[in-house]
C-alpha atoms as a PDB file:
ATOM      1  CA  UNK A   1     266.846  73.894  45.711  1.00  0.00           C
ATOM      2  CA  UNK A   2     265.349  74.084  49.203  1.00  0.00           C
ATOM      3  CA  UNK A   3     261.890  75.624  49.352  1.00  0.00           C
ATOM      4  CA  UNK A   4     261.637  78.255  52.047  1.00  0.00           C
ATOM      5  CA  UNK A   5     258.822  77.906  54.543  1.00  0.00           C
ATOM      6  CA  UNK A   6     258.024  81.345  55.935  1.00  0.00           C
ATOM      7  CA  UNK A   7     260.056  82.014  59.054  1.00  0.00           C
ATOM      8  CA  UNK A   8     262.065  78.772  58.830  1.00  0.00           C
ATOM      9  CA  UNK A   9     265.769  78.961  58.046  1.00  0.00           C
ATOM     10  CA  UNK A  10     266.998  75.627  56.609  1.00  0.00           C
ATOM     11  CA  UNK A  11     270.146  75.973  58.737  1.00  0.00           C
ATOM     12  CA  UNK A  12     268.198  76.909  61.885  1.00  0.00           C
ATOM     13  CA  UNK A  13     267.217  74.881  64.946  1.00  0.00           C
ATOM     14  CA  UNK A  14     263.667  75.052  66.328  1.00  0.00           C
ATOM     15  CA  UNK A  15     261.670  73.906  69.348  1.00  0.00           C
ATOM     16  CA  UNK A  16     258.510  71.803  69.172  1.00  0.00           C
ATOM     17  CA  UNK A  17     256.341  74.874  69.730  1.00  0.00           C
ATOM     18  CA  UNK A  18     258.006  76.752  66.901  1.00  0.00           C
ATOM     19  CA  UNK A  19     257.527  73.765  64.573  1.00  0.00           C
ATOM     20  CA  UNK A  20     253.840  73.538  65.456  1.00  0.00           C
ATOM     21  CA  UNK A  21     253.271  77.256  64.854  1.00  0.00           C
ATOM     22  CA  UNK A  22     255.151  77.218  61.537  1.00  0.00           C
ATOM     23  CA  UNK A  23     253.190  74.215  60.240  1.00  0.00           C
ATOM     24  CA  UNK A  24     249.857  75.064  61.827  1.00  0.00           C
ATOM     25  CA  UNK A  25     249.641  71.746  63.677  1.00  0.00           C
ATOM     26  CA  UNK A  26     249.156  70.765  67.306  1.00  0.00           C
ATOM     27  CA  UNK A  27     251.673  69.207  69.641  1.00  0.00           C
ATOM     28  CA  UNK A  28     249.779  65.882  69.513  1.00  0.00           C
ATOM     29  CA  UNK A  29     250.087  65.827  65.724  1.00  0.00           C
ATOM     30  CA  UNK A  30     253.812  66.530  65.914  1.00  0.00           C
ATOM     31  CA  UNK A  31     254.112  63.702  68.455  1.00  0.00           C
ATOM     32  CA  UNK A  32     252.345  61.314  66.049  1.00  0.00           C
ATOM     33  CA  UNK A  33     254.721  62.275  63.238  1.00  0.00           C
ATOM     34  CA  UNK A  34     257.642  61.719  65.617  1.00  0.00           C
ATOM     35  CA  UNK A  35     256.262  58.304  66.709  1.00  0.00           C
ATOM     36  CA  UNK A  36     255.865  57.260  63.061  1.00  0.00           C
ATOM     37  CA  UNK A  37     259.444  58.312  62.301  1.00  0.00           C
ATOM     38  CA  UNK A  38     258.416  61.017  59.846  1.00  0.00           C
ATOM     39  CA  UNK A  39     260.474  63.592  61.756  1.00  0.00           C
ATOM     40  CA  UNK A  40     263.245  62.894  64.245  1.00  0.00           C
ATOM     41  CA  UNK A  41     264.238  65.453  66.858  1.00  0.00           C
ATOM     42  CA  UNK A  42     267.753  66.116  67.975  1.00  0.00           C
ATOM     43  CA  UNK A  43     268.948  66.955  71.466  1.00  0.00           C
ATOM     44  CA  UNK A  44     271.451  69.424  72.774  1.00  0.00           C
ATOM     45  CA  UNK A  45     273.909  68.202  75.388  1.00  0.00           C
ATOM     46  CA  UNK A  46     272.548  68.797  78.872  1.00  0.00           C
ATOM     47  CA  UNK A  47     269.010  69.483  77.686  1.00  0.00           C
ATOM     48  CA  UNK A  48     265.916  67.298  77.697  1.00  0.00           C
ATOM     49  CA  UNK A  49     264.145  69.452  75.098  1.00  0.00           C
ATOM     50  CA  UNK A  50     263.598  68.245  71.533  1.00  0.00           C
ATOM     51  CA  UNK A  51     264.972  70.404  68.745  1.00  0.00           C
ATOM     52  CA  UNK A  52     264.272  70.143  65.028  1.00  0.00           C
ATOM     53  CA  UNK A  53     266.394  71.301  62.122  1.00  0.00           C
ATOM     54  CA  UNK A  54     264.990  73.738  59.608  1.00  0.00           C
ATOM     55  CA  UNK A  55     265.628  71.221  56.828  1.00  0.00           C
ATOM     56  CA  UNK A  56     263.586  68.574  58.654  1.00  0.00           C
ATOM     57  CA  UNK A  57     260.708  71.013  59.136  1.00  0.00           C
ATOM     58  CA  UNK A  58     260.704  71.930  55.440  1.00  0.00           C
ATOM     59  CA  UNK A  59     260.801  68.219  54.514  1.00  0.00           C
ATOM     60  CA  UNK A  60     257.872  67.504  56.862  1.00  0.00           C
ATOM     61  CA  UNK A  61     255.923  70.379  55.288  1.00  0.00           C
ATOM     62  CA  UNK A  62     256.443  68.843  51.838  1.00  0.00           C
ATOM     63  CA  UNK A  63     255.224  65.438  53.075  1.00  0.00           C
ATOM     64  CA  UNK A  64     252.156  66.746  54.910  1.00  0.00           C
ATOM     65  CA  UNK A  65     251.059  69.443  52.485  1.00  0.00           C
END
């Protein structure tokens, strides 16, 4: 069973800002988690923006909290 984090759809795709708001963390904290390999962003073709899956966000929430 996948726990639902309010506003996060496990099948959804989210930007860094949306991840930070959902988890109540800053961009620097998200960058540290990314550098440590705790969460890995994906990329869409033709875009330089990082995107995160809803499942990864929920998993990160379980690790951090």
